[in-house]
């Protein structure tokens, strides 16, 4: 009976993995792969027939070595200061917490000193580019409310963008049109940053260059506001945060919550000329993304980054997506549909452009390049953030995963290509770089 169930279950998983997949994305995960993946589950069930479901889960968790792997990643390799992640289904959730949300702070002389605080299940993290998922959901919510059409021009709702006549909402949502602005991250005021963004113009994308960009999502924030006649964060609150009871998701983290918020300061950039930039501008609740730092000054939420949240709230978001509480299954399917990815030849080798849906990732045929695990359904969407966040939602198999790390804190976050030979890998797997002043920094 168990063998028959397993066969049927694997058939279902296999069919789900190929939903909406074509050509190079078909059969990325074989039935044999599924049998290997589920072998420990079957063995555990057969050997412990008297176990409850909870006992089976605990047994499998220990067998998986998951916690040991994460501890190695954090404690030995020190790839980030700490990690909290959660995964589950609409009826089950597991959360794992390892390491610290903070390792250093600034003293009165503006010097870094040791200052350790543990990650916890309710740590508030910088979502970084995972914010784009909210922007995409908001656009589709506006479609479902009948307030916009994806074929509408951007300027219909955001006339400030005078250079974008003819550009459709769909074009920016799906990375079809590449935009260019002056360096918003280098200005010092909200007004200057917004002025540069309003001057965005279409820029042809070079052949076979990955199309992922922040600018389209930044523009779509104004489409959301213009069509709804609401501040973007207020729109999110009304249609996503409040219905799902997400009480820990903010642009500006309230003062009384700062004592459980990660600190991303201390990130090191090492340039070709030997110059080193260390981010000492950080304080609790300051978003890491430099463009978002400019554009959240007035408490406004940009479309590409800027939100803070917790694993608990992100679980509620994922479950809400799976249950159709934000947008219906047809629109969620549109969101996850590949719009950009394709194979191409370079130096007689097959390579792939990024497989992107609507401000999110879809399955890439190369697993090492894929934000979405191949075993999941073809309608799974993924989103990753620079600071160490990652969200995966599989609405067909009803699974989700959210990871919250603190990669920039007290770590090397950029090194010029010409200096990568200076990276030393220790026996533990930890990577370090010695800076010109003799300081050693961990490479994240």
Protein backbone atom coordinates (compact mmCIF):
# COMPACT_ATOMS: atom_id res chain seq x y z
CA UNK A 1 0.00 0.00 0.00
CA UNK A 2 2.82 2.40 0.88
CA UNK A 3 4.66 1.55 -2.34
CA UNK A 4 1.55 2.30 -4.40
CA UNK A 5 1.06 5.61 -2.58
CA UNK A 6 4.72 6.51 -3.19
CA UNK A 7 4.43 5.73 -6.90
CA UNK A 8 1.31 7.89 -7.26
CA UNK A 9 2.84 10.67 -5.18
CA UNK A 10 6.01 10.76 -7.26
CA UNK A 11 3.96 10.76 -10.45
CA UNK A 12 2.12 13.83 -9.12
CA UNK A 13 5.33 15.59 -8.09
CA UNK A 14 6.89 14.83 -11.48
CA UNK A 15 3.88 16.19 -13.36
CA UNK A 16 3.82 19.27 -11.13
CA UNK A 17 7.51 19.93 -11.78
CA UNK A 18 6.78 20.16 -15.51
CA UNK A 19 3.78 22.47 -15.28
CA UNK A 20 4.27 25.39 -17.70
CA UNK A 21 7.77 24.12 -18.52
CA UNK A 22 8.90 23.93 -22.14
CA UNK A 23 11.95 22.77 -24.07
CA UNK A 24 15.12 23.19 -21.98
CA UNK A 25 13.14 23.35 -18.72
CA UNK A 26 11.33 20.04 -19.15
CA UNK A 27 12.25 17.04 -16.98
CA UNK A 28 14.79 18.91 -14.86
CA UNK A 29 14.03 16.51 -12.02
CA UNK A 30 13.49 12.84 -12.88
CA UNK A 31 11.29 10.27 -11.15
CA UNK A 32 14.48 8.52 -10.04
CA UNK A 33 15.58 11.80 -8.42
CA UNK A 34 12.32 11.92 -6.48
CA UNK A 35 12.76 8.33 -5.28
CA UNK A 36 16.23 9.23 -3.99
CA UNK A 37 14.92 12.40 -2.37
CA UNK A 38 12.12 10.54 -0.57
CA UNK A 39 14.06 7.39 0.31
CA UNK A 40 14.81 8.51 3.92
CA UNK A 41 11.12 9.31 4.40
CA UNK A 42 9.99 5.87 3.26
CA UNK A 43 12.63 4.10 5.33
CA UNK A 44 11.64 6.07 8.43
CA UNK A 45 7.94 5.28 7.95
CA UNK A 46 8.64 1.58 7.43
CA UNK A 47 10.97 1.33 10.43
CA UNK A 48 8.76 3.33 12.79
CA UNK A 49 5.19 2.35 12.01
CA UNK A 50 4.06 3.27 15.51
CA UNK A 51 5.41 6.85 15.33
CA UNK A 52 3.13 9.85 15.20
CA UNK A 53 3.54 12.37 12.38
CA UNK A 54 5.36 14.72 14.75
CA UNK A 55 7.76 11.95 15.81
CA UNK A 56 8.41 11.06 12.16
CA UNK A 57 9.21 14.71 11.40
CA UNK A 58 11.60 14.97 14.33
CA UNK A 59 13.35 11.76 13.27
CA UNK A 60 13.72 12.96 9.68
CA UNK A 61 14.94 16.37 10.82
CA UNK A 62 17.77 14.74 12.79
CA UNK A 63 18.62 12.44 9.87
CA UNK A 64 18.74 15.30 7.41
CA UNK A 65 21.77 16.93 9.02
CA UNK A 66 20.14 20.26 8.19
CA UNK A 67 20.97 21.95 11.47
CA UNK A 68 24.58 20.72 11.38
CA UNK A 69 24.99 22.03 7.83
CA UNK A 70 23.71 25.46 8.78
CA UNK A 71 25.89 25.55 11.89
CA UNK A 72 28.90 24.76 9.69
CA UNK A 73 27.89 27.56 7.32
CA UNK A 74 27.60 30.04 10.20
CA UNK A 75 30.07 28.86 12.84
CA UNK A 76 32.90 27.43 10.73
CA UNK A 77 32.68 29.15 7.33
CA UNK A 78 31.22 32.30 8.93
CA UNK A 79 29.53 33.24 5.65
CA UNK A 80 27.16 35.51 7.55
CA UNK A 81 26.72 36.48 11.17
CA UNK A 82 23.48 34.59 11.62
CA UNK A 83 20.55 32.93 9.93
CA UNK A 84 16.92 32.27 10.72
CA UNK A 85 14.81 30.35 8.27
CA UNK A 86 11.38 28.85 8.17
CA UNK A 87 9.66 26.38 5.87
CA UNK A 88 6.40 24.53 5.74
CA UNK A 89 2.91 24.15 4.32
CA UNK A 90 -0.36 25.91 5.13
CA UNK A 91 -0.78 23.51 8.09
CA UNK A 92 2.82 22.95 9.26
CA UNK A 93 5.81 25.17 9.97
CA UNK A 94 9.39 24.63 11.17
CA UNK A 95 11.81 27.42 12.09
CA UNK A 96 15.56 27.14 12.63
CA UNK A 97 17.69 29.86 14.26
CA UNK A 98 21.51 29.93 14.18
CA UNK A 99 24.06 32.64 15.03
CA UNK A 100 23.90 36.36 15.67
CA UNK A 101 21.96 39.25 14.22
CA UNK A 102 24.81 41.56 15.28
CA UNK A 103 28.54 41.13 16.03
CA UNK A 104 29.86 44.71 16.24
CA UNK A 105 28.71 48.25 16.96
CA UNK A 106 30.30 51.70 16.99
CA UNK A 107 31.72 53.17 20.19
CA UNK A 108 31.79 56.87 21.08
CA UNK A 109 34.97 57.29 19.00
CA UNK A 110 33.30 55.81 15.90
CA UNK A 111 35.36 52.60 16.17
CA UNK A 112 33.93 49.12 15.76
CA UNK A 113 33.79 47.12 18.99
CA UNK A 114 32.42 43.62 19.71
CA UNK A 115 28.69 43.71 20.38
CA UNK A 116 26.86 40.38 20.10
CA UNK A 117 23.11 39.81 19.92
CA UNK A 118 21.55 36.47 18.97
CA UNK A 119 19.22 35.83 16.09
CA UNK A 120 15.73 34.91 17.33
CA UNK A 121 12.52 33.66 15.77
CA UNK A 122 11.14 37.21 15.88
CA UNK A 123 14.25 39.01 14.59
CA UNK A 124 13.25 41.79 12.17
CA UNK A 125 15.32 41.59 8.98
CA UNK A 126 15.94 43.77 5.95
CA UNK A 127 14.09 42.06 3.07
CA UNK A 128 16.17 43.88 0.42
CA UNK A 129 15.01 42.81 -3.07
CA UNK A 130 12.41 40.40 -1.70
CA UNK A 131 10.42 43.66 -1.43
CA UNK A 132 9.87 43.26 -5.19
CA UNK A 133 7.48 40.37 -4.50
CA UNK A 134 5.19 42.84 -2.71
CA UNK A 135 5.40 45.21 -5.67
CA UNK A 136 4.48 42.43 -8.09
CA UNK A 137 1.60 41.24 -5.89
CA UNK A 138 0.38 44.84 -5.64
CA UNK A 139 0.34 45.28 -9.42
CA UNK A 140 -1.65 42.06 -9.85
CA UNK A 141 -3.97 43.10 -7.02
CA UNK A 142 -4.68 46.32 -8.92
CA UNK A 143 -5.46 44.21 -12.00
CA UNK A 144 -7.91 42.10 -9.97
CA UNK A 145 -9.56 45.27 -8.62
CA UNK A 146 -10.01 46.54 -12.18
CA UNK A 147 -7.90 49.64 -11.52
CA UNK A 148 -5.21 48.95 -14.13
CA UNK A 149 -4.51 46.86 -17.18
CA UNK A 150 -1.02 45.46 -17.74
CA UNK A 151 -1.09 46.84 -21.28
CA UNK A 152 -1.63 50.37 -19.98
CA UNK A 153 1.23 52.80 -20.38
CA UNK A 154 3.14 53.72 -17.25
CA UNK A 155 2.54 57.44 -17.81
CA UNK A 156 -1.23 56.93 -17.59
CA UNK A 157 -0.81 56.59 -13.81
CA UNK A 158 2.65 58.10 -13.31
CA UNK A 159 2.94 61.11 -15.67
CA UNK A 160 6.12 62.23 -13.83
CA UNK A 161 8.06 59.79 -16.03
CA UNK A 162 8.04 61.94 -19.14
CA UNK A 163 10.68 59.84 -20.91
CA UNK A 164 8.67 56.62 -20.63
CA UNK A 165 5.86 57.30 -23.07
CA UNK A 166 5.02 54.06 -24.85
CA UNK A 167 6.40 51.87 -22.03
CA UNK A 168 3.75 49.52 -20.66
CA UNK A 169 3.29 48.30 -17.10
CA UNK A 170 3.84 44.75 -18.37
CA UNK A 171 7.20 45.78 -19.85
CA UNK A 172 8.56 46.87 -16.46
CA UNK A 173 6.90 44.10 -14.47
CA UNK A 174 8.58 41.43 -16.59
CA UNK A 175 11.98 43.08 -17.23
CA UNK A 176 11.16 43.45 -20.92
CA UNK A 177 12.26 47.09 -21.02
CA UNK A 178 15.58 48.17 -19.55
CA UNK A 179 15.68 51.58 -17.85
CA UNK A 180 18.61 53.80 -16.99
CA UNK A 181 19.01 56.63 -14.48
CA UNK A 182 21.84 58.70 -13.05
CA UNK A 183 23.33 57.33 -9.81
CA UNK A 184 20.50 57.67 -7.30
CA UNK A 185 22.65 56.01 -4.63
CA UNK A 186 25.11 58.91 -4.74
CA UNK A 187 22.74 61.77 -3.92
CA UNK A 188 22.01 62.90 -0.36
CA UNK A 189 18.35 63.86 -0.36
CA UNK A 190 14.99 62.27 -1.12
CA UNK A 191 14.13 65.13 -3.49
CA UNK A 192 17.32 64.68 -5.52
CA UNK A 193 16.83 60.92 -5.70
CA UNK A 194 13.23 61.20 -6.82
CA UNK A 195 14.16 63.81 -9.45
CA UNK A 196 16.76 61.44 -10.95
CA UNK A 197 14.26 58.58 -10.94
CA UNK A 198 11.65 60.69 -12.73
CA UNK A 199 14.26 61.26 -15.46
CA UNK A 200 14.56 57.51 -16.13
CA UNK A 201 14.82 56.63 -19.80
CA UNK A 202 14.78 53.48 -21.89
CA UNK A 203 18.21 52.01 -22.53
CA UNK A 204 18.80 49.10 -24.93
CA UNK A 205 20.07 46.01 -23.12
CA UNK A 206 23.26 44.52 -24.62
CA UNK A 207 22.84 41.12 -26.26
CA UNK A 208 22.82 38.20 -23.79
CA UNK A 209 23.07 40.45 -20.74
CA UNK A 210 20.89 39.41 -17.81
CA UNK A 211 17.89 41.77 -17.62
CA UNK A 212 17.38 41.89 -13.83
CA UNK A 213 17.23 45.48 -12.60
CA UNK A 214 15.83 47.59 -9.74
CA UNK A 215 14.65 50.57 -11.78
CA UNK A 216 11.46 49.06 -13.23
CA UNK A 217 10.20 48.11 -9.78
CA UNK A 218 11.07 51.58 -8.51
CA UNK A 219 8.91 53.12 -11.24
CA UNK A 220 6.03 50.70 -10.62
CA UNK A 221 5.72 52.02 -7.07
CA UNK A 222 4.40 55.27 -8.61
CA UNK A 223 2.00 53.31 -10.85
CA UNK A 224 0.59 51.69 -7.72
CA UNK A 225 0.18 55.06 -6.03
CA UNK A 226 -1.23 56.84 -9.08
CA UNK A 227 -3.83 54.17 -9.87
CA UNK A 228 -4.91 53.54 -6.27
CA UNK A 229 -4.59 57.14 -5.04
CA UNK A 230 -2.87 55.70 -1.98
CA UNK A 231 0.63 55.79 -0.52
CA UNK A 232 2.35 52.52 -1.50
CA UNK A 233 2.85 51.28 2.06
CA UNK A 234 -0.77 52.18 2.88
CA UNK A 235 -1.86 50.12 -0.13
CA UNK A 236 0.20 47.17 1.13
CA UNK A 237 -1.29 47.55 4.59
CA UNK A 238 -4.87 47.56 3.31
CA UNK A 239 -4.63 44.69 0.82
CA UNK A 240 -1.84 42.45 2.17
CA UNK A 241 -0.50 43.20 5.64
CA UNK A 242 -3.76 43.76 7.54
CA UNK A 243 -5.78 40.92 5.93
CA UNK A 244 -2.94 38.49 6.68
CA UNK A 245 -2.29 39.98 10.16
CA UNK A 246 1.32 40.78 9.30
CA UNK A 247 2.10 43.12 12.18
CA UNK A 248 5.92 43.10 11.94
CA UNK A 249 6.39 44.30 8.35
CA UNK A 250 7.50 47.93 8.13
CA UNK A 251 9.28 50.60 6.11
CA UNK A 252 10.18 52.44 9.30
CA UNK A 253 10.70 49.98 12.16
CA UNK A 254 9.03 51.43 15.29
CA UNK A 255 11.44 52.43 18.07
CA UNK A 256 10.05 49.85 20.47
CA UNK A 257 10.95 47.07 17.97
CA UNK A 258 14.51 48.17 17.20
CA UNK A 259 15.98 45.94 19.91
CA UNK A 260 15.11 42.89 17.78
CA UNK A 261 16.16 44.32 14.40
CA UNK A 262 19.31 43.22 12.55
CA UNK A 263 22.17 45.64 12.06
CA UNK A 264 23.68 45.44 8.56
CA UNK A 265 26.53 47.92 9.10
CA UNK A 266 30.21 46.99 8.83
CA UNK A 267 30.11 45.85 5.20
CA UNK A 268 33.51 46.17 3.48
CA UNK A 269 34.15 47.02 -0.19
CA UNK A 270 37.65 46.44 -1.57
CA UNK A 271 38.40 48.23 -4.83
CA UNK A 272 40.88 47.71 -7.66
CA UNK A 273 43.07 50.64 -6.60
CA UNK A 274 43.41 49.27 -3.08
CA UNK A 275 40.93 51.68 -1.54
CA UNK A 276 38.60 50.26 1.09
CA UNK A 277 35.13 51.50 2.05
CA UNK A 278 33.65 50.32 5.35
CA UNK A 279 29.99 51.07 5.99
CA UNK A 280 29.85 52.79 9.38
CA UNK A 281 26.61 54.59 8.58
CA UNK A 282 24.52 51.73 9.85
CA UNK A 283 22.07 51.97 12.69
CA UNK A 284 19.22 49.72 13.71
CA UNK A 285 16.39 50.02 11.23
CA UNK A 286 18.49 51.56 8.42
CA UNK A 287 17.86 49.77 5.14
CA UNK A 288 21.05 48.44 3.53
CA UNK A 289 20.27 49.13 -0.14
CA UNK A 290 21.84 52.53 -1.00
CA UNK A 291 19.04 53.63 -3.36
CA UNK A 292 16.44 52.65 -0.80
CA UNK A 293 18.35 54.64 1.85
CA UNK A 294 17.79 57.76 -0.27
CA UNK A 295 14.15 57.05 -1.13
CA UNK A 296 12.89 55.94 2.31
CA UNK A 297 13.97 59.17 4.01
CA UNK A 298 10.36 60.41 4.24
CA UNK A 299 9.06 56.98 5.23
CA UNK A 300 8.06 56.23 1.63
CA UNK A 301 8.53 52.68 0.35
CA UNK A 302 10.40 52.25 -2.96
CA UNK A 303 9.29 49.37 -5.17
CA UNK A 304 12.60 47.50 -5.27
CA UNK A 305 13.73 47.29 -1.61
CA UNK A 306 13.06 48.92 1.74
CA UNK A 307 10.79 46.58 3.70
CA UNK A 308 11.67 44.95 7.01
CA UNK A 309 9.90 41.82 8.21
CA UNK A 310 10.15 38.60 10.23
CA UNK A 311 10.03 34.91 9.38
CA UNK A 312 6.62 34.78 11.06
CA UNK A 313 5.19 37.50 8.82
CA UNK A 314 6.84 36.09 5.70
CA UNK A 315 5.26 32.71 6.48
CA UNK A 316 1.89 34.43 6.63
CA UNK A 317 2.60 36.05 3.26
CA UNK A 318 3.57 32.72 1.68
CA UNK A 319 0.52 30.96 3.09
CA UNK A 320 -1.67 33.83 1.90
CA UNK A 321 -0.27 33.44 -1.61
CA UNK A 322 -0.81 29.68 -1.58
CA UNK A 323 -4.38 30.03 -0.24
CA UNK A 324 -5.30 32.69 -2.83
CA UNK A 325 -5.94 35.35 -0.18
CA UNK A 326 -4.03 38.07 -2.06
CA UNK A 327 -4.50 37.28 -5.73
CA UNK A 328 -6.14 34.26 -7.34
CA UNK A 329 -4.28 31.23 -8.72
CA UNK A 330 -4.46 32.41 -12.34
CA UNK A 331 -2.71 35.69 -11.51
CA UNK A 332 -0.17 33.91 -9.31
CA UNK A 333 0.56 31.64 -12.26
CA UNK A 334 1.13 34.73 -14.44
CA UNK A 335 3.48 36.08 -11.80
CA UNK A 336 5.66 32.95 -11.90
CA UNK A 337 5.68 32.56 -15.70
CA UNK A 338 9.12 32.91 -17.31
CA UNK A 339 9.30 36.04 -19.45
CA UNK A 340 13.02 36.41 -20.14
CA UNK A 341 14.98 33.18 -19.82
CA UNK A 342 16.30 31.38 -22.85
CA UNK A 343 19.40 29.46 -23.95
CA UNK A 344 22.13 31.03 -26.04
CA UNK A 345 25.56 30.02 -27.33
CA UNK A 346 28.75 31.65 -26.16
CA UNK A 347 32.19 30.24 -26.95
CA UNK A 348 30.45 27.07 -28.18
CA UNK A 349 28.87 26.58 -24.75
CA UNK A 350 25.17 26.68 -23.94
CA UNK A 351 24.36 29.39 -21.42
CA UNK A 352 21.07 30.79 -20.16
CA UNK A 353 19.68 34.26 -19.63
CA UNK A 354 18.05 34.72 -16.24
CA UNK A 355 14.63 33.09 -16.01
CA UNK A 356 12.47 35.86 -14.61
CA UNK A 357 8.75 36.15 -14.05
CA UNK A 358 7.03 39.27 -12.74
CA UNK A 359 9.68 40.87 -10.49
CA UNK A 360 10.63 37.37 -9.35
CA UNK A 361 12.61 34.32 -10.48
CA UNK A 362 11.43 31.19 -12.25
CA UNK A 363 13.30 27.89 -12.70
CA UNK A 364 16.67 28.12 -14.44
CA UNK A 365 17.76 24.92 -16.27
CA UNK A 366 21.14 25.11 -14.49
CA UNK A 367 20.48 24.24 -10.86
CA UNK A 368 23.51 26.21 -9.62
CA UNK A 369 22.04 29.35 -11.27
CA UNK A 370 18.45 28.71 -10.21
CA UNK A 371 16.67 30.56 -7.42
CA UNK A 372 14.08 27.76 -7.56
CA UNK A 373 14.89 24.13 -6.65
CA UNK A 374 14.19 21.82 -9.61
CA UNK A 375 12.08 19.39 -7.57
CA UNK A 376 9.42 22.05 -6.97
CA UNK A 377 6.49 22.70 -9.27
CA UNK A 378 6.78 24.64 -12.50
CA UNK A 379 4.69 27.42 -10.98
CA UNK A 380 7.09 28.09 -8.12
CA UNK A 381 8.46 31.60 -7.77
CA UNK A 382 11.58 32.72 -5.95
CA UNK A 383 13.07 36.00 -4.82
CA UNK A 384 16.46 36.77 -3.31
CA UNK A 385 17.86 39.80 -1.51
CA UNK A 386 21.47 40.98 -1.28
CA UNK A 387 21.55 40.98 2.52
CA UNK A 388 20.90 37.22 2.67
CA UNK A 389 17.14 36.86 2.28
CA UNK A 390 15.37 34.36 0.05
CA UNK A 391 11.70 33.52 -0.45
CA UNK A 392 10.35 30.50 -2.32
CA UNK A 393 6.61 29.85 -2.79
CA UNK A 394 5.26 26.74 -4.51
CA UNK A 395 1.47 27.16 -4.78
CA UNK A 396 0.94 23.77 -6.46
CA UNK A 397 2.73 21.56 -3.94
CA UNK A 398 1.73 24.05 -1.22
CA UNK A 399 5.25 24.54 0.11
CA UNK A 400 7.20 27.64 1.07
CA UNK A 401 10.64 28.57 2.35
CA UNK A 402 11.99 31.83 3.73
CA UNK A 403 15.57 32.49 4.75
CA UNK A 404 16.74 35.58 6.61
CA UNK A 405 20.48 36.12 6.93
CA UNK A 406 22.70 39.08 7.73
CA UNK A 407 25.39 38.88 5.04
CA UNK A 408 26.64 42.51 4.95
CA UNK A 409 27.30 42.81 8.68
CA UNK A 410 31.01 42.81 9.51
CA UNK A 411 31.87 41.06 6.22
CA UNK A 412 33.53 41.70 2.85
CA UNK A 413 30.62 42.29 0.48
CA UNK A 414 32.50 43.48 -2.62
CA UNK A 415 35.96 42.76 -4.01
CA UNK A 416 37.23 43.80 -7.42
CA UNK A 417 37.82 40.97 -9.86
CA UNK A 418 41.55 41.80 -10.03
CA UNK A 419 41.93 41.27 -6.27
CA UNK A 420 40.10 37.97 -5.91
CA UNK A 421 43.43 36.12 -5.88
CA UNK A 422 43.97 37.68 -2.44
CA UNK A 423 41.13 35.62 -0.94
CA UNK A 424 42.51 32.89 1.36
CA UNK A 425 40.43 29.79 2.15
CA UNK A 426 41.17 28.30 5.57
CA UNK A 427 40.86 24.63 6.49
CA UNK A 428 37.44 25.31 8.05
CA UNK A 429 36.17 26.67 4.72
CA UNK A 430 36.19 30.22 6.05
CA UNK A 431 37.45 32.78 3.52
CA UNK A 432 39.42 35.85 4.53
CA UNK A 433 41.10 38.79 2.85
CA UNK A 434 43.90 40.88 4.34
CA UNK A 435 43.33 44.55 3.56
CA UNK A 436 46.19 47.01 2.82
CA UNK A 437 46.09 48.28 6.42
CA UNK A 438 46.69 44.74 7.70
CA UNK A 439 43.11 44.20 8.85
CA UNK A 440 41.64 40.77 8.10
CA UNK A 441 38.03 40.62 6.99
CA UNK A 442 35.77 37.61 6.38
CA UNK A 443 34.67 37.19 2.76
CA UNK A 444 30.90 36.73 2.47
